[in-house]
Structure formats: C-alpha cells, structure tokens
Amino acid sequence: MDFNNDKAIYIQIAERLCDEILADKYKEGERIPSVREYAVLLEVNANTTVKSYDLLATGGIIYNKRGLGYFVSPGAKRQIRQTRKREFMQERLPELARQMRLLDISVDEVEGELRRLLHL
C-alpha cells in the first residue's frame, strides 16, 4: 500500500479496511485478517495496525471476539457509507464548488465528465 503524507498511516489503514468492507471483500459478521496478518500484508508495524483496529472498533465498524479475532460489525457497511457521504457533502463538495468557481467550470462540464467517468 502506498501511503501519503496528508494523514496518519493508521488512519489510511482504517480507511482501506473500510473500502474493503464497502467492496464486500469482508462482509458483516465475517472475520477480517488478524492485526499481524494485515500488518504483514501492508508492510507496516503491527502497532500501527493495532491503532487502526482500535479506531475502527471504537467506531463500531469491527468488533473483537476474544481468542477468535476481529469481525465486521452488523451495519458496518451502512455506517461507513453514511459517514463518508456526510464527509463528502460537508467537506469535499464545498471545495469542489470553490474550485469550479475559481476555474470557471460549469456544472454541465462537470456532469459530462462525471457521466464519462461513471460510464453512464
């Protein structure tokens, strides 16, 4: 995994795991890789992965079954979507609108490009 300097690595790992849940790589009630397995997969320190798992567990996305590992919580996918939609609407969309104004890009231009990118 390529990490960027904009966010802490443990947050990027948590976001990746959320992406994988959204993509149905891990479904609700299914076990996810152990901290050690995921650390090896991503080539990071296990302590960093522990912080990621703790963050997700605190947020109710995953839960720990003692002795069995971590599992995807019921409703995790819905919760991730709601959180990310809210973030998009409150943070990214206003920035997009600001850039569109600065660059004199019309809504029609954006819509056309979105349709192309989404294959609509």
C-alpha atoms as a PDB file:
ATOM      1  CA  MET A   1       0.000   0.000   0.000  1.00  0.00           C
ATOM      2  CA  ASP A   2       1.300   3.435  -0.885  1.00  0.00           C
ATOM      3  CA  PHE A   3       0.812   5.911   1.934  1.00  0.00           C
ATOM      4  CA  ASN A   4       0.601   9.662   1.558  1.00  0.00           C
ATOM      5  CA  ASN A   5       1.806  12.293   3.986  1.00  0.00           C
ATOM      6  CA  ASP A   6      -1.590  14.011   4.328  1.00  0.00           C
ATOM      7  CA  LYS A   7      -2.908  11.627   7.010  1.00  0.00           C
ATOM      8  CA  ALA A   8      -1.511   9.374   9.679  1.00  0.00           C
ATOM      9  CA  ILE A   9      -0.743   5.875   8.400  1.00  0.00           C
ATOM     10  CA  TYR A  10      -3.081   4.215  10.890  1.00  0.00           C
ATOM     11  CA  ILE A  11      -5.974   6.337   9.577  1.00  0.00           C
ATOM     12  CA  GLN A  12      -5.116   5.380   5.991  1.00  0.00           C
ATOM     13  CA  ILE A  13      -5.101   1.709   7.003  1.00  0.00           C
ATOM     14  CA  ALA A  14      -8.505   2.106   8.680  1.00  0.00           C
ATOM     15  CA  GLU A  15      -9.850   3.789   5.524  1.00  0.00           C
ATOM     16  CA  ARG A  16      -8.506   0.955   3.394  1.00  0.00           C
ATOM     17  CA  LEU A  17     -10.249  -1.613   5.562  1.00  0.00           C
ATOM     18  CA  CYS A  18     -13.456   0.407   5.272  1.00  0.00           C
ATOM     19  CA  ASP A  19     -13.012   0.455   1.479  1.00  0.00           C
ATOM     20  CA  GLU A  20     -12.673  -3.323   1.550  1.00  0.00           C
ATOM     21  CA  ILE A  21     -15.852  -3.632   3.616  1.00  0.00           C
ATOM     22  CA  LEU A  22     -17.694  -1.378   1.156  1.00  0.00           C
ATOM     23  CA  ALA A  23     -16.403  -3.530  -1.725  1.00  0.00           C
ATOM     24  CA  ASP A  24     -17.690  -6.675   0.058  1.00  0.00           C
ATOM     25  CA  LYS A  25     -14.239  -8.152   0.487  1.00  0.00           C
ATOM     26  CA  TYR A  26     -15.268  -8.536   4.133  1.00  0.00           C
ATOM     27  CA  LYS A  27     -18.972  -8.894   4.853  1.00  0.00           C
ATOM     28  CA  GLU A  28     -20.851  -8.247   8.071  1.00  0.00           C
ATOM     29  CA  GLY A  29     -20.138 -10.955  10.607  1.00  0.00           C
ATOM     30  CA  GLU A  30     -17.057 -12.182   8.742  1.00  0.00           C
ATOM     31  CA  ARG A  31     -13.610 -12.341  10.261  1.00  0.00           C
ATOM     32  CA  ILE A  32     -11.045  -9.873   8.986  1.00  0.00           C
ATOM     33  CA  PRO A  33      -7.300 -10.553   8.920  1.00  0.00           C
ATOM     34  CA  SER A  34      -5.560 -10.513  12.286  1.00  0.00           C
ATOM     35  CA  VAL A  35      -3.554  -7.460  13.241  1.00  0.00           C
ATOM     36  CA  ARG A  36      -0.362  -9.328  12.472  1.00  0.00           C
ATOM     37  CA  GLU A  37      -1.643 -10.652   9.102  1.00  0.00           C
ATOM     38  CA  TYR A  38      -2.783  -7.207   7.997  1.00  0.00           C
ATOM     39  CA  ALA A  39       0.482  -5.610   9.138  1.00  0.00           C
ATOM     40  CA  VAL A  40       2.472  -8.101   7.076  1.00  0.00           C
ATOM     41  CA  LEU A  41       0.179  -7.605   4.068  1.00  0.00           C
ATOM     42  CA  LEU A  42       0.625  -3.820   4.187  1.00  0.00           C
ATOM     43  CA  GLU A  43       4.271  -3.961   5.287  1.00  0.00           C
ATOM     44  CA  VAL A  44       3.718  -1.809   8.369  1.00  0.00           C
ATOM     45  CA  ASN A  45       4.463  -2.146  12.054  1.00  0.00           C
ATOM     46  CA  ALA A  46       1.885  -4.239  13.926  1.00  0.00           C
ATOM     47  CA  ASN A  47       1.451  -1.419  16.454  1.00  0.00           C
ATOM     48  CA  THR A  48       0.255   0.851  13.649  1.00  0.00           C
ATOM     49  CA  THR A  49      -2.294  -1.760  12.639  1.00  0.00           C
ATOM     50  CA  VAL A  50      -3.410  -2.102  16.261  1.00  0.00           C
ATOM     51  CA  LYS A  51      -4.175   1.643  16.276  1.00  0.00           C
ATOM     52  CA  SER A  52      -6.219   1.214  13.081  1.00  0.00           C
ATOM     53  CA  TYR A  53      -8.211  -1.675  14.501  1.00  0.00           C
ATOM     54  CA  ASP A  54      -8.757   0.217  17.767  1.00  0.00           C
ATOM     55  CA  LEU A  55     -10.065   3.203  15.800  1.00  0.00           C
ATOM     56  CA  LEU A  56     -12.483   1.007  13.846  1.00  0.00           C
ATOM     57  CA  ALA A  57     -13.579  -0.890  16.951  1.00  0.00           C
ATOM     58  CA  THR A  58     -14.248   2.366  18.803  1.00  0.00           C
ATOM     59  CA  GLY A  59     -16.343   3.492  15.832  1.00  0.00           C
ATOM     60  CA  GLY A  60     -18.346   0.266  15.837  1.00  0.00           C
ATOM     61  CA  ILE A  61     -17.106  -0.874  12.415  1.00  0.00           C
ATOM     62  CA  ILE A  62     -15.394  -4.004  13.740  1.00  0.00           C
ATOM     63  CA  TYR A  63     -15.503  -5.921  16.998  1.00  0.00           C
ATOM     64  CA  ASN A  64     -13.220  -8.353  18.753  1.00  0.00           C
ATOM     65  CA  LYS A  65     -14.209 -11.871  19.753  1.00  0.00           C
ATOM     66  CA  ARG A  66     -11.677 -12.797  22.369  1.00  0.00           C
ATOM     67  CA  GLY A  67      -9.425 -15.555  21.098  1.00  0.00           C
ATOM     68  CA  LEU A  68     -11.021 -15.551  17.627  1.00  0.00           C
ATOM     69  CA  GLY A  69     -10.042 -12.192  16.182  1.00  0.00           C
ATOM     70  CA  TYR A  70     -11.821  -9.202  14.711  1.00  0.00           C
ATOM     71  CA  PHE A  71     -15.094  -9.326  12.794  1.00  0.00           C
ATOM     72  CA  VAL A  72     -17.123  -6.851  10.735  1.00  0.00           C
ATOM     73  CA  SER A  73     -19.937  -5.410  12.834  1.00  0.00           C
ATOM     74  CA  PRO A  74     -23.583  -5.643  11.767  1.00  0.00           C
ATOM     75  CA  GLY A  75     -24.500  -2.434   9.943  1.00  0.00           C
ATOM     76  CA  ALA A  76     -20.839  -1.513   9.337  1.00  0.00           C
ATOM     77  CA  LYS A  77     -21.273  -1.012   5.601  1.00  0.00           C
ATOM     78  CA  ARG A  78     -24.270   1.288   6.092  1.00  0.00           C
ATOM     79  CA  GLN A  79     -22.421   3.226   8.799  1.00  0.00           C
ATOM     80  CA  ILE A  80     -19.324   3.688   6.624  1.00  0.00           C
ATOM     81  CA  ARG A  81     -21.463   4.926   3.723  1.00  0.00           C
ATOM     82  CA  GLN A  82     -23.357   7.396   5.915  1.00  0.00           C
ATOM     83  CA  THR A  83     -20.154   8.780   7.403  1.00  0.00           C
ATOM     84  CA  ARG A  84     -18.447   9.113   4.049  1.00  0.00           C
ATOM     85  CA  LYS A  85     -21.469  10.686   2.372  1.00  0.00           C
ATOM     86  CA  ARG A  86     -21.673  13.257   5.162  1.00  0.00           C
ATOM     87  CA  GLU A  87     -17.934  13.944   4.832  1.00  0.00           C
ATOM     88  CA  PHE A  88     -18.255  14.313   1.059  1.00  0.00           C
ATOM     89  CA  MET A  89     -21.202  16.701   1.289  1.00  0.00           C
ATOM     90  CA  GLN A  90     -19.697  18.827   4.082  1.00  0.00           C
ATOM     91  CA  GLU A  91     -16.033  18.871   3.092  1.00  0.00           C
ATOM     92  CA  ARG A  92     -15.291  17.770  -0.439  1.00  0.00           C
ATOM     93  CA  LEU A  93     -18.300  19.160  -2.292  1.00  0.00           C
ATOM     94  CA  PRO A  94     -17.820  22.730  -0.986  1.00  0.00           C
ATOM     95  CA  GLU A  95     -14.161  22.559  -2.056  1.00  0.00           C
ATOM     96  CA  LEU A  96     -15.231  21.282  -5.482  1.00  0.00           C
ATOM     97  CA  ALA A  97     -17.685  24.183  -5.809  1.00  0.00           C
ATOM     98  CA  ARG A  98     -14.959  26.652  -4.818  1.00  0.00           C
ATOM     99  CA  GLN A  99     -12.574  25.245  -7.420  1.00  0.00           C
ATOM    100  CA  MET A 100     -15.294  25.287 -10.079  1.00  0.00           C
ATOM    101  CA  ARG A 101     -15.887  29.000  -9.407  1.00  0.00           C
ATOM    102  CA  LEU A 102     -12.171  29.797  -9.477  1.00  0.00           C
ATOM    103  CA  LEU A 103     -11.594  27.857 -12.690  1.00  0.00           C
ATOM    104  CA  ASP A 104     -14.870  28.896 -14.342  1.00  0.00           C
ATOM    105  CA  ILE A 105     -16.006  25.300 -14.799  1.00  0.00           C
ATOM    106  CA  SER A 106     -19.727  24.881 -15.403  1.00  0.00           C
ATOM    107  CA  VAL A 107     -21.991  22.308 -13.785  1.00  0.00           C
ATOM    108  CA  ASP A 108     -22.655  20.957 -17.294  1.00  0.00           C
ATOM    109  CA  GLU A 109     -18.927  20.360 -17.843  1.00  0.00           C
ATOM    110  CA  VAL A 110     -18.641  18.522 -14.543  1.00  0.00           C
ATOM    111  CA  GLU A 111     -21.766  16.499 -15.241  1.00  0.00           C
ATOM    112  CA  GLY A 112     -20.429  15.450 -18.653  1.00  0.00           C
ATOM    113  CA  GLU A 113     -17.107  14.365 -17.198  1.00  0.00           C
ATOM    114  CA  LEU A 114     -18.816  12.519 -14.339  1.00  0.00           C
ATOM    115  CA  ARG A 115     -21.018  10.650 -16.794  1.00  0.00           C
ATOM    116  CA  ARG A 116     -17.928   9.662 -18.769  1.00  0.00           C
ATOM    117  CA  LEU A 117     -16.065   8.519 -15.653  1.00  0.00           C
ATOM    118  CA  LEU A 118     -19.058   6.608 -14.306  1.00  0.00           C
ATOM    119  CA  HIS A 119     -19.794   5.120 -17.749  1.00  0.00           C
ATOM    120  CA  LEU A 120     -23.380   6.448 -17.770  1.00  0.00           C
END
